[in-house]
N, C-alpha and C. Protein backbone atom coordinates (compact mmCIF):
# COMPACT_ATOMS: atom_id res chain seq x y z
N MET A 1 6.74 20.99 17.33
CA MET A 1 5.46 20.02 16.94
C MET A 1 4.19 20.90 16.31
N ASP A 2 3.31 21.63 17.32
CA ASP A 2 2.30 22.19 16.72
C ASP A 2 2.55 22.98 15.39
N LYS A 3 3.62 23.54 15.49
CA LYS A 3 3.72 24.51 14.40
C LYS A 3 3.08 23.62 12.68
N LEU A 4 4.17 22.59 13.04
CA LEU A 4 4.65 21.68 11.79
C LEU A 4 3.38 20.86 11.85
N LYS A 5 2.30 20.67 12.97
CA LYS A 5 1.07 20.03 12.85
C LYS A 5 0.44 20.85 12.01
N ARG A 6 0.18 21.99 12.19
CA ARG A 6 -0.77 23.17 11.58
C ARG A 6 -0.14 23.13 9.96
N GLN A 7 0.85 23.27 9.96
CA GLN A 7 1.39 23.50 8.57
C GLN A 7 0.73 22.17 7.87
N ILE A 8 1.28 20.90 8.30
CA ILE A 8 0.76 19.65 7.66
C ILE A 8 -0.96 19.42 7.51
N GLN A 9 -1.66 20.16 8.34
CA GLN A 9 -2.93 19.74 8.31
C GLN A 9 -3.21 20.83 7.20
N LYS A 10 -2.68 22.17 6.98
CA LYS A 10 -2.87 23.23 5.97
C LYS A 10 -2.85 22.81 4.50
N LEU A 11 -1.52 21.87 4.79
CA LEU A 11 -1.30 21.33 3.25
C LEU A 11 -2.59 20.23 2.76
N ILE A 12 -2.59 19.12 3.66
CA ILE A 12 -3.79 18.24 3.63
C ILE A 12 -5.07 18.63 3.07
N VAL A 13 -5.66 19.91 3.81
CA VAL A 13 -6.68 20.32 3.28
C VAL A 13 -6.65 21.10 2.26
N ASN A 14 -5.32 21.68 1.84
CA ASN A 14 -5.72 22.41 0.58
C ASN A 14 -5.72 21.36 -0.45
N LEU A 15 -4.61 20.41 0.08
CA LEU A 15 -4.61 19.39 -1.37
C LEU A 15 -5.71 18.58 -1.67
N MET A 16 -6.39 17.89 0.00
CA MET A 16 -7.58 17.45 -0.26
C MET A 16 -8.90 17.85 0.60
N GLY A 17 -9.33 18.94 0.34
CA GLY A 17 -10.10 19.72 1.15
C GLY A 17 -11.37 18.32 1.52
N SER A 18 -11.62 17.51 0.78
CA SER A 18 -12.56 16.50 0.73
C SER A 18 -11.82 15.31 0.68
N PRO A 19 -12.30 13.97 0.99
CA PRO A 19 -11.71 12.99 0.70
C PRO A 19 -11.89 12.45 -0.43
N ILE A 20 -13.07 12.77 -1.28
CA ILE A 20 -13.31 12.83 -2.69
C ILE A 20 -12.83 13.91 -3.58
N LYS A 21 -12.20 14.05 -4.64
CA LYS A 21 -12.15 15.15 -5.00
C LYS A 21 -12.61 15.29 -6.74
N ILE A 22 -13.54 15.88 -6.97
CA ILE A 22 -14.02 16.02 -8.01
C ILE A 22 -13.38 17.44 -9.19
N ASP A 23 -13.45 16.59 -10.44
CA ASP A 23 -12.62 17.34 -11.26
C ASP A 23 -13.90 17.84 -12.53
N PRO A 24 -14.22 18.26 -12.68
CA PRO A 24 -15.48 18.51 -14.14
C PRO A 24 -14.46 18.97 -15.20
N SER A 25 -13.63 19.16 -14.87
CA SER A 25 -12.60 19.84 -16.39
C SER A 25 -12.58 18.52 -17.15
N ILE A 26 -12.23 17.50 -16.88
CA ILE A 26 -11.87 16.07 -17.41
C ILE A 26 -12.67 15.52 -18.37
N ASN A 27 -12.82 15.71 -19.82
CA ASN A 27 -13.89 15.45 -20.63
C ASN A 27 -15.27 15.87 -20.15
N ASN A 28 -15.56 16.82 -19.90
CA ASN A 28 -16.44 17.34 -19.32
C ASN A 28 -17.49 16.54 -18.39
N ARG A 29 -17.08 15.37 -17.95
CA ARG A 29 -17.27 14.48 -17.29
C ARG A 29 -16.81 14.83 -15.54
N LYS A 30 -17.68 14.36 -14.70
CA LYS A 30 -17.49 14.40 -13.10
C LYS A 30 -16.26 13.00 -12.80
N VAL A 31 -15.02 13.51 -12.39
CA VAL A 31 -14.22 12.32 -12.15
C VAL A 31 -13.94 12.15 -10.65
N LYS A 32 -13.85 11.43 -9.97
CA LYS A 32 -13.72 11.15 -8.35
C LYS A 32 -12.54 10.59 -8.38
N THR A 33 -11.77 10.76 -7.64
CA THR A 33 -10.69 9.92 -7.09
C THR A 33 -10.55 10.28 -5.37
N ILE A 34 -10.28 9.03 -4.64
CA ILE A 34 -10.05 8.94 -3.49
C ILE A 34 -8.78 9.18 -2.90
N ALA A 35 -8.72 10.07 -2.00
CA ALA A 35 -7.37 11.15 -1.35
C ALA A 35 -6.86 9.33 -1.17
N PRO A 36 -5.04 9.56 -0.98
CA PRO A 36 -4.40 8.97 -0.60
C PRO A 36 -4.17 8.68 0.86
N ILE A 37 -4.45 9.74 1.65
CA ILE A 37 -4.20 9.46 3.08
C ILE A 37 -5.42 10.36 3.75
N PRO A 38 -6.35 10.02 4.88
CA PRO A 38 -6.90 10.62 5.18
C PRO A 38 -6.41 11.81 5.85
N LYS A 39 -6.95 12.61 5.57
CA LYS A 39 -6.42 14.11 6.56
C LYS A 39 -6.77 14.30 8.23
N GLU A 40 -7.56 13.48 8.51
CA GLU A 40 -8.01 13.43 9.92
C GLU A 40 -6.96 12.69 10.22
N VAL A 41 -5.91 11.69 9.75
CA VAL A 41 -4.94 11.45 10.63
C VAL A 41 -4.19 12.32 11.15
N PHE A 42 -3.86 13.49 10.53
CA PHE A 42 -2.96 14.99 11.22
C PHE A 42 -3.82 15.46 12.26
N TRP A 43 -4.79 15.47 12.66
CA TRP A 43 -5.68 16.24 13.86
C TRP A 43 -5.53 15.32 15.16
N ASP A 44 -4.81 14.19 14.90
CA ASP A 44 -4.57 13.38 16.24
C ASP A 44 -3.17 13.38 16.48
N ALA A 45 -3.00 14.42 17.86
CA ALA A 45 -1.67 14.46 18.73
C ALA A 45 -0.98 13.51 18.43
N SER A 46 -1.50 12.31 18.70
CA SER A 46 -0.39 11.15 19.09
C SER A 46 0.40 10.69 17.52
N VAL A 47 -0.18 10.88 16.43
CA VAL A 47 0.45 10.28 15.65
C VAL A 47 2.09 10.96 14.82
N LYS A 48 3.05 10.29 14.50
CA LYS A 48 4.45 10.90 14.67
C LYS A 48 4.50 10.66 13.36
N ILE A 49 4.96 11.79 12.77
CA ILE A 49 5.97 11.71 11.72
C ILE A 49 7.14 11.33 11.44
N HIS A 50 7.41 10.27 11.07
CA HIS A 50 8.60 9.66 10.18
C HIS A 50 9.33 10.44 9.48
N LYS A 51 10.42 10.20 9.37
CA LYS A 51 11.19 10.80 7.77
C LYS A 51 12.56 9.73 7.55
N THR A 52 12.68 9.34 5.94
CA THR A 52 13.74 8.41 6.02
C THR A 52 14.50 9.13 5.56
N LYS A 53 15.94 8.67 5.44
CA LYS A 53 17.47 8.80 5.46
C LYS A 53 17.49 10.08 4.21
N ALA A 54 16.30 9.57 3.17
CA ALA A 54 16.09 10.34 1.27
C ALA A 54 15.55 11.63 2.25
N GLY A 55 14.75 11.79 3.36
CA GLY A 55 13.86 12.64 3.66
C GLY A 55 12.54 12.93 3.16
N ILE A 56 12.03 11.42 2.71
CA ILE A 56 10.42 11.29 2.45
C ILE A 56 9.82 11.22 3.66
N GLU A 57 8.86 12.20 4.10
CA GLU A 57 7.90 11.98 5.92
C GLU A 57 6.91 11.02 5.51
N TYR A 58 7.05 10.19 6.55
CA TYR A 58 5.55 9.23 6.65
C TYR A 58 5.08 9.19 7.70
N VAL A 59 3.97 8.50 7.89
CA VAL A 59 3.36 7.81 9.35
C VAL A 59 2.86 6.15 8.83
N LYS A 60 2.76 5.95 10.17
CA LYS A 60 2.77 4.42 10.38
C LYS A 60 1.34 4.25 10.87
N THR A 61 0.80 3.18 10.34
CA THR A 61 -0.98 2.75 11.27
C THR A 61 -0.47 2.00 12.77
N PRO A 62 -0.34 1.90 13.87
CA PRO A 62 0.26 1.62 14.84
C PRO A 62 -0.40 0.13 14.69
N GLY A 63 0.64 -0.59 15.05
CA GLY A 63 0.09 -1.95 15.10
C GLY A 63 -0.63 -2.56 16.06
N GLU A 64 -1.48 -2.01 16.67
CA GLU A 64 -2.44 -2.50 17.52
C GLU A 64 -3.64 -2.47 16.93
N CYS A 65 -3.60 -1.52 15.78
CA CYS A 65 -5.03 -1.32 14.97
C CYS A 65 -5.51 -2.77 14.35
N PHE A 66 -4.09 -3.40 13.82
CA PHE A 66 -4.46 -4.85 13.33
C PHE A 66 -4.42 -5.98 14.02
N SER A 67 -4.53 -5.91 15.57
CA SER A 67 -4.31 -7.03 16.39
C SER A 67 -5.42 -8.00 16.36
N GLU A 68 -6.65 -7.15 16.05
CA GLU A 68 -7.64 -8.11 16.34
C GLU A 68 -8.77 -8.37 14.94
N ILE A 69 -7.75 -8.63 13.80
CA ILE A 69 -8.54 -8.69 12.56
C ILE A 69 -8.72 -10.26 12.25
N PRO A 70 -10.01 -10.75 12.34
CA PRO A 70 -10.04 -11.78 12.06
C PRO A 70 -10.01 -12.28 10.64
N GLY A 71 -9.03 -13.76 10.74
CA GLY A 71 -8.73 -14.63 9.52
C GLY A 71 -7.34 -13.90 8.87
N TYR A 72 -6.53 -12.72 9.90
CA TYR A 72 -5.37 -12.56 9.02
C TYR A 72 -4.26 -12.59 10.26
N ASN A 73 -3.95 -13.83 10.17
CA ASN A 73 -3.15 -14.39 11.31
C ASN A 73 -1.76 -14.73 10.35
N PHE A 74 -0.94 -14.07 9.79
CA PHE A 74 0.12 -14.14 8.77
C PHE A 74 1.24 -13.49 9.32
N ASN A 75 2.90 -14.29 9.40
CA ASN A 75 3.57 -13.43 9.35
C ASN A 75 4.19 -11.96 9.04
N GLU A 76 4.61 -11.41 10.00
CA GLU A 76 4.69 -9.92 9.26
C GLU A 76 6.03 -9.83 8.38
N ASN A 77 6.19 -9.89 6.98
CA ASN A 77 7.45 -9.42 6.30
C ASN A 77 7.39 -8.22 5.93
N TYR A 78 8.67 -7.32 6.20
CA TYR A 78 8.94 -5.77 5.53
C TYR A 78 9.82 -6.03 4.50
N CYS A 79 9.75 -5.12 3.10
CA CYS A 79 10.80 -5.00 2.43
C CYS A 79 11.20 -3.86 2.21
N ASP A 80 12.58 -3.27 2.23
CA ASP A 80 12.74 -1.44 1.87
C ASP A 80 12.70 -1.12 0.69
N ILE A 81 11.70 -0.30 0.72
CA ILE A 81 11.50 0.28 -1.05
C ILE A 81 12.22 1.95 -0.76
N ASN A 82 13.37 2.08 -0.86
CA ASN A 82 13.43 3.89 -1.28
C ASN A 82 13.62 4.18 0.63
N GLY A 83 13.85 3.30 1.27
CA GLY A 83 13.71 3.75 2.58
C GLY A 83 12.33 3.60 3.40
N LEU A 84 11.43 3.37 2.67
CA LEU A 84 9.62 3.28 3.38
C LEU A 84 9.61 1.45 3.49
N LYS A 85 9.12 1.00 4.46
CA LYS A 85 8.81 -0.38 4.82
C LYS A 85 7.35 -0.50 4.13
N MET A 86 7.46 -1.85 2.98
CA MET A 86 6.66 -2.26 2.15
C MET A 86 6.14 -3.45 2.82
N HIS A 87 5.14 -3.47 3.90
CA HIS A 87 4.70 -5.10 4.30
C HIS A 87 4.37 -6.09 3.23
N TYR A 88 4.58 -7.51 3.26
CA TYR A 88 4.05 -8.75 2.62
C TYR A 88 3.41 -9.61 3.45
N VAL A 89 2.77 -10.36 2.89
CA VAL A 89 2.53 -11.71 3.52
C VAL A 89 3.05 -12.46 2.22
N ASP A 90 3.76 -13.65 3.03
CA ASP A 90 5.05 -14.84 2.25
C ASP A 90 4.13 -16.15 2.99
N ALA A 91 3.39 -16.84 2.59
CA ALA A 91 2.78 -17.88 3.16
C ALA A 91 2.83 -19.08 2.14
N GLY A 92 3.30 -20.16 2.67
CA GLY A 92 3.21 -21.37 1.80
C GLY A 92 4.85 -22.11 2.04
N PRO A 93 4.79 -22.95 1.11
CA PRO A 93 5.98 -23.52 0.61
C PRO A 93 6.97 -22.84 -0.06
N SER A 94 8.31 -22.58 0.58
CA SER A 94 9.17 -21.99 -0.11
C SER A 94 9.55 -22.23 -1.55
N ASP A 95 8.90 -23.58 -1.80
CA ASP A 95 9.40 -24.25 -3.12
C ASP A 95 7.91 -24.17 -4.01
N GLY A 96 7.19 -23.94 -3.42
CA GLY A 96 5.79 -23.75 -4.05
C GLY A 96 5.44 -22.89 -5.06
N LYS A 97 4.88 -23.11 -6.33
CA LYS A 97 4.86 -22.31 -7.24
C LYS A 97 4.34 -20.65 -6.81
N ILE A 98 4.76 -19.97 -7.00
CA ILE A 98 4.18 -18.55 -6.39
C ILE A 98 3.45 -17.79 -7.47
N LEU A 99 2.67 -17.44 -6.23
CA LEU A 99 1.47 -16.60 -6.90
C LEU A 99 1.74 -15.20 -6.21
N LEU A 100 1.72 -14.09 -7.34
CA LEU A 100 2.07 -13.04 -6.20
C LEU A 100 0.59 -12.17 -6.66
N LEU A 101 -0.22 -11.58 -5.47
CA LEU A 101 -1.64 -11.20 -5.72
C LEU A 101 -1.30 -9.70 -4.86
N LEU A 102 -1.70 -9.05 -6.01
CA LEU A 102 -1.77 -7.51 -5.88
C LEU A 102 -2.79 -7.11 -5.61
N HIS A 103 -3.27 -5.95 -4.58
CA HIS A 103 -4.84 -5.65 -4.32
C HIS A 103 -4.67 -4.28 -5.22
N GLY A 104 -5.94 -3.71 -4.67
CA GLY A 104 -6.32 -2.13 -5.06
C GLY A 104 -6.24 -1.25 -4.42
N GLN A 105 -6.98 -0.23 -4.87
CA GLN A 105 -7.23 0.94 -4.22
C GLN A 105 -8.10 0.85 -3.70
N PRO A 106 -9.04 1.01 -2.72
CA PRO A 106 -8.59 1.68 -0.87
C PRO A 106 -7.84 0.44 -0.53
N VAL A 107 -7.55 -1.12 -0.48
CA VAL A 107 -7.57 -2.15 -0.06
C VAL A 107 -6.01 -2.11 0.50
N TRP A 108 -5.76 -3.28 1.10
CA TRP A 108 -4.38 -4.25 1.37
C TRP A 108 -4.44 -5.74 1.10
N SER A 109 -3.77 -6.37 1.67
CA SER A 109 -3.32 -7.76 1.72
C SER A 109 -4.32 -8.53 2.11
N TYR A 110 -5.15 -7.93 3.26
CA TYR A 110 -6.33 -8.45 3.68
C TYR A 110 -7.58 -9.01 3.08
N LEU A 111 -7.17 -8.08 2.01
CA LEU A 111 -8.67 -8.72 0.95
C LEU A 111 -8.28 -10.29 0.27
N TYR A 112 -6.97 -10.70 0.35
CA TYR A 112 -6.67 -11.86 -0.20
C TYR A 112 -6.66 -13.10 1.03
N ARG A 113 -6.88 -12.76 2.25
CA ARG A 113 -6.84 -13.36 3.61
C ARG A 113 -7.34 -15.05 3.13
N THR A 114 -8.94 -14.98 2.91
CA THR A 114 -9.21 -16.43 2.72
C THR A 114 -8.38 -16.89 1.59
N MET A 115 -8.31 -16.50 0.44
CA MET A 115 -7.84 -17.27 -0.61
C MET A 115 -6.52 -17.38 0.04
N ILE A 116 -5.75 -16.94 0.27
CA ILE A 116 -4.36 -17.38 0.55
C ILE A 116 -4.29 -18.68 1.66
N HIS A 117 -5.06 -18.77 2.42
CA HIS A 117 -4.93 -19.88 3.61
C HIS A 117 -5.62 -21.10 2.70
N GLU A 118 -6.22 -21.17 1.50
CA GLU A 118 -6.96 -22.26 0.40
C GLU A 118 -5.92 -22.42 -0.34
N LEU A 119 -4.72 -21.61 -0.94
CA LEU A 119 -4.36 -21.55 -1.81
C LEU A 119 -2.66 -22.45 -0.92
N VAL A 120 -2.56 -22.01 -0.28
CA VAL A 120 -1.15 -22.37 0.83
C VAL A 120 -1.77 -24.41 1.13
N ALA A 121 -2.82 -24.28 1.43
CA ALA A 121 -3.67 -25.63 1.59
C ALA A 121 -3.01 -26.52 0.44
N LYS A 122 -3.32 -25.62 -0.49
CA LYS A 122 -2.94 -26.95 -1.89
C LYS A 122 -1.20 -26.74 -2.40
N GLY A 123 -0.40 -26.42 -1.49
CA GLY A 123 0.83 -26.35 -1.56
C GLY A 123 1.24 -24.98 -2.61
N TYR A 124 0.99 -23.93 -2.70
CA TYR A 124 1.24 -22.51 -3.33
C TYR A 124 1.77 -21.92 -2.24
N ARG A 125 3.05 -20.80 -2.96
CA ARG A 125 3.53 -20.15 -2.29
C ARG A 125 2.66 -18.85 -2.53
N CYS A 126 2.00 -17.83 -1.31
CA CYS A 126 1.15 -16.63 -1.94
C CYS A 126 2.30 -15.38 -1.05
N ILE A 127 2.33 -14.30 -2.09
CA ILE A 127 3.00 -13.45 -1.95
C ILE A 127 2.28 -12.26 -1.92
N ALA A 128 1.76 -11.80 -0.80
CA ALA A 128 0.99 -10.57 -1.21
C ALA A 128 1.25 -9.22 -0.19
N PRO A 129 1.84 -8.10 -1.28
CA PRO A 129 2.62 -6.97 -0.69
C PRO A 129 1.25 -6.03 -0.37
N ASP A 130 1.44 -5.22 0.32
CA ASP A 130 0.42 -3.90 0.77
C ASP A 130 1.00 -2.92 0.14
N LEU A 131 1.17 -2.26 -0.95
CA LEU A 131 1.34 -1.41 -1.66
C LEU A 131 1.44 -0.17 -0.86
N ILE A 132 2.99 0.71 -0.99
CA ILE A 132 2.94 1.91 0.09
C ILE A 132 1.82 2.77 0.40
N GLY A 133 1.89 2.89 1.39
CA GLY A 133 0.60 4.02 1.66
C GLY A 133 -0.56 3.22 1.89
N MET A 134 -0.68 1.55 2.19
CA MET A 134 -1.92 0.90 2.46
C MET A 134 -1.38 0.13 3.46
N GLY A 135 -2.62 -0.67 4.07
CA GLY A 135 -2.64 -1.57 5.13
C GLY A 135 -1.24 -1.43 6.23
N LYS A 136 -0.46 -2.39 6.04
CA LYS A 136 1.10 -2.33 7.19
C LYS A 136 1.97 -1.58 6.54
N SER A 137 2.08 -0.85 5.28
CA SER A 137 2.85 -0.56 4.89
C SER A 137 3.03 0.69 5.29
N ASP A 138 4.38 1.92 5.58
CA ASP A 138 4.43 2.91 5.37
C ASP A 138 3.16 3.91 4.82
N LYS A 139 3.05 4.95 5.36
CA LYS A 139 2.17 5.69 4.37
C LYS A 139 2.90 7.36 4.05
N PRO A 140 3.50 7.59 3.10
CA PRO A 140 4.03 8.67 2.98
C PRO A 140 3.39 10.05 2.85
N ILE A 141 3.53 10.76 3.11
CA ILE A 141 2.62 12.26 3.44
C ILE A 141 2.20 12.93 2.06
N SER A 142 3.20 12.89 1.24
CA SER A 142 3.28 13.62 -0.27
C SER A 142 2.49 13.06 -1.13
N ILE A 143 1.94 13.45 -1.77
CA ILE A 143 0.78 12.64 -3.04
C ILE A 143 1.87 12.11 -3.94
N LYS A 144 2.76 12.76 -3.89
CA LYS A 144 3.64 12.20 -5.28
C LYS A 144 3.88 10.62 -5.09
N TYR A 145 3.89 10.05 -4.20
CA TYR A 145 4.41 8.58 -3.84
C TYR A 145 3.00 7.88 -3.64
N HIS A 146 1.80 8.44 -4.12
CA HIS A 146 0.60 7.81 -4.38
C HIS A 146 0.37 7.75 -5.71
N VAL A 147 0.87 7.76 -6.65
CA VAL A 147 0.65 7.77 -7.92
C VAL A 147 1.15 6.41 -8.45
N TYR A 148 0.15 6.24 -9.71
CA TYR A 148 0.14 4.93 -10.61
C TYR A 148 1.99 3.95 -10.87
N ASP A 149 3.13 5.36 -11.57
CA ASP A 149 3.80 5.25 -11.83
C ASP A 149 4.70 4.90 -10.43
N THR A 150 4.64 5.35 -9.52
CA THR A 150 5.47 5.22 -8.58
C THR A 150 5.09 3.66 -7.87
N HIS A 151 4.02 3.40 -7.74
CA HIS A 151 3.25 2.05 -7.23
C HIS A 151 3.84 0.96 -8.00
N CYS A 152 3.77 1.35 -9.42
CA CYS A 152 4.60 0.37 -10.53
C CYS A 152 6.21 0.15 -10.16
N ASP A 153 6.73 1.23 -10.11
CA ASP A 153 8.26 0.87 -9.81
C ASP A 153 8.48 0.47 -8.37
N ASN A 154 7.67 0.77 -7.37
CA ASN A 154 7.73 0.14 -6.21
C ASN A 154 7.70 -1.70 -6.38
N VAL A 155 6.77 -2.00 -6.85
CA VAL A 155 6.61 -3.40 -7.09
C VAL A 155 7.70 -4.01 -7.67
N LEU A 156 7.97 -3.49 -8.41
CA LEU A 156 8.81 -3.91 -9.28
C LEU A 156 10.24 -3.93 -8.31
N SER A 157 10.78 -2.71 -7.97
CA SER A 157 11.89 -3.26 -6.84
C SER A 157 11.16 -4.05 -5.88
N PHE A 158 10.31 -4.50 -5.66
CA PHE A 158 9.77 -5.56 -4.58
C PHE A 158 9.93 -6.61 -4.88
N ILE A 159 9.55 -6.83 -6.13
CA ILE A 159 10.31 -8.52 -6.95
C ILE A 159 11.54 -8.86 -7.24
N LYS A 160 12.33 -7.88 -7.58
CA LYS A 160 13.38 -7.81 -7.80
C LYS A 160 14.63 -8.09 -6.45
N LYS A 161 13.91 -7.18 -5.22
CA LYS A 161 14.51 -7.30 -3.97
C LYS A 161 14.40 -8.81 -3.36
N LEU A 162 13.17 -9.43 -3.81
CA LEU A 162 12.69 -10.66 -3.29
C LEU A 162 13.64 -11.65 -4.25
N LYS A 163 13.69 -11.58 -5.26
CA LYS A 163 14.43 -12.36 -6.20
C LYS A 163 13.15 -13.62 -6.85
N LEU A 164 11.85 -12.80 -7.09
CA LEU A 164 11.09 -13.69 -7.53
C LEU A 164 10.73 -14.17 -8.91
N LYS A 165 10.78 -15.25 -9.38
CA LYS A 165 10.80 -15.63 -10.44
C LYS A 165 9.49 -16.60 -10.74
N LYS A 166 9.50 -16.87 -12.48
CA LYS A 166 8.28 -17.41 -12.48
C LYS A 166 7.10 -17.25 -11.63
N ILE A 167 6.51 -16.16 -11.37
CA ILE A 167 5.51 -15.58 -11.02
C ILE A 167 3.83 -16.24 -11.71
N THR A 168 3.00 -16.32 -11.44
CA THR A 168 1.59 -16.39 -11.56
C THR A 168 1.42 -15.11 -11.07
N LEU A 169 0.46 -14.17 -11.92
CA LEU A 169 0.01 -13.16 -11.25
C LEU A 169 -1.77 -13.17 -11.07
N PHE A 170 -2.01 -12.60 -9.77
CA PHE A 170 -3.80 -12.53 -9.51
C PHE A 170 -3.61 -10.89 -9.04
N CYS A 171 -4.81 -10.51 -9.56
CA CYS A 171 -4.85 -9.21 -9.30
C CYS A 171 -5.62 -8.35 -9.32
N GLN A 172 -6.06 -7.44 -8.68
CA GLN A 172 -7.65 -6.75 -8.25
C GLN A 172 -7.49 -5.28 -8.75
N ASP A 173 -8.52 -4.71 -9.42
CA ASP A 173 -8.66 -3.14 -9.35
C ASP A 173 -7.06 -2.63 -10.06
N TRP A 174 -6.66 -1.62 -9.10
CA TRP A 174 -5.56 -1.30 -10.07
C TRP A 174 -4.31 -2.02 -9.89
N GLY A 175 -4.47 -2.85 -9.22
CA GLY A 175 -3.45 -3.97 -8.96
C GLY A 175 -3.25 -4.73 -10.15
N SER A 176 -4.24 -4.68 -11.04
CA SER A 176 -4.23 -5.22 -12.33
C SER A 176 -3.50 -4.43 -13.29
N LEU A 177 -3.48 -3.25 -13.25
CA LEU A 177 -2.81 -2.18 -14.12
C LEU A 177 -1.35 -2.31 -13.96
N ILE A 178 -1.02 -2.57 -12.35
CA ILE A 178 0.59 -2.28 -11.89
C ILE A 178 0.95 -3.57 -12.07
N GLY A 179 -0.05 -4.59 -12.22
CA GLY A 179 1.43 -6.17 -12.50
C GLY A 179 1.18 -6.43 -13.67
N LEU A 180 -0.12 -5.77 -15.13
CA LEU A 180 0.06 -6.19 -16.31
C LEU A 180 1.46 -5.34 -16.50
N ARG A 181 1.29 -4.13 -16.48
CA ARG A 181 2.33 -3.07 -16.56
C ARG A 181 3.95 -3.75 -16.83
N ILE A 182 4.20 -4.34 -15.27
CA ILE A 182 5.43 -5.09 -14.93
C ILE A 182 5.56 -6.42 -15.94
N ALA A 183 4.48 -7.49 -16.01
CA ALA A 183 4.49 -8.42 -16.70
C ALA A 183 4.61 -8.04 -18.12
N GLY A 184 4.43 -6.90 -18.88
CA GLY A 184 4.48 -6.96 -20.01
C GLY A 184 6.17 -6.11 -20.47
C-alpha cells in the first residue's frame, strides 16, 4: 500500500504540482485551471482507493464530511455512470415540472440547496446531480475523467437512466456549457 500511495503521490505532483496550473503558451496569455482533485488527499493514509469493474480508480469523500452541512437535508440518490456513483438530489413531487440544476466547477449540488427548497414548495421537481468528481459523487483519480466531454457524456447518461423528459434547464458556470450542449 505504501508503494502504491507513493506512486500516486508522484503522479499527482507531476500532473498537478500546484492546485493552479499556469500555461503562458496559450495565445501568449496566462491561463489558469483549477486542479480537478486536490493532491493532498493522497497524503492521508486513511484514504482508500477503490476500483470499478472496468478498472477506473477513484476515491470517495467520507459521508461524515457532509453530516453537518446546514440546509442540505436531502435524501441521497445515486446513479451508476460507467461503474462510478453519481450523487443527485431529487426533491419535489414526481409529477412536478422537472428542473435540472447543473452546477459548475468546483462546486456541487449544495450550490442550489436554498433554491431547491423554494422551488419544491411551489410544486417543482428539482433534480441536481453532483458531477462525477465533485460533491458526494465518486472522484476518479485519472484526469481524463475530469474533462468537458466526459462530463457531457456523464450528464447525458444520467438523463437517459432517469428517463427524464421535458426538462427545464437551470445551470451555472460550466454546467451551462454542459447543459446547453446536451439540449442542442
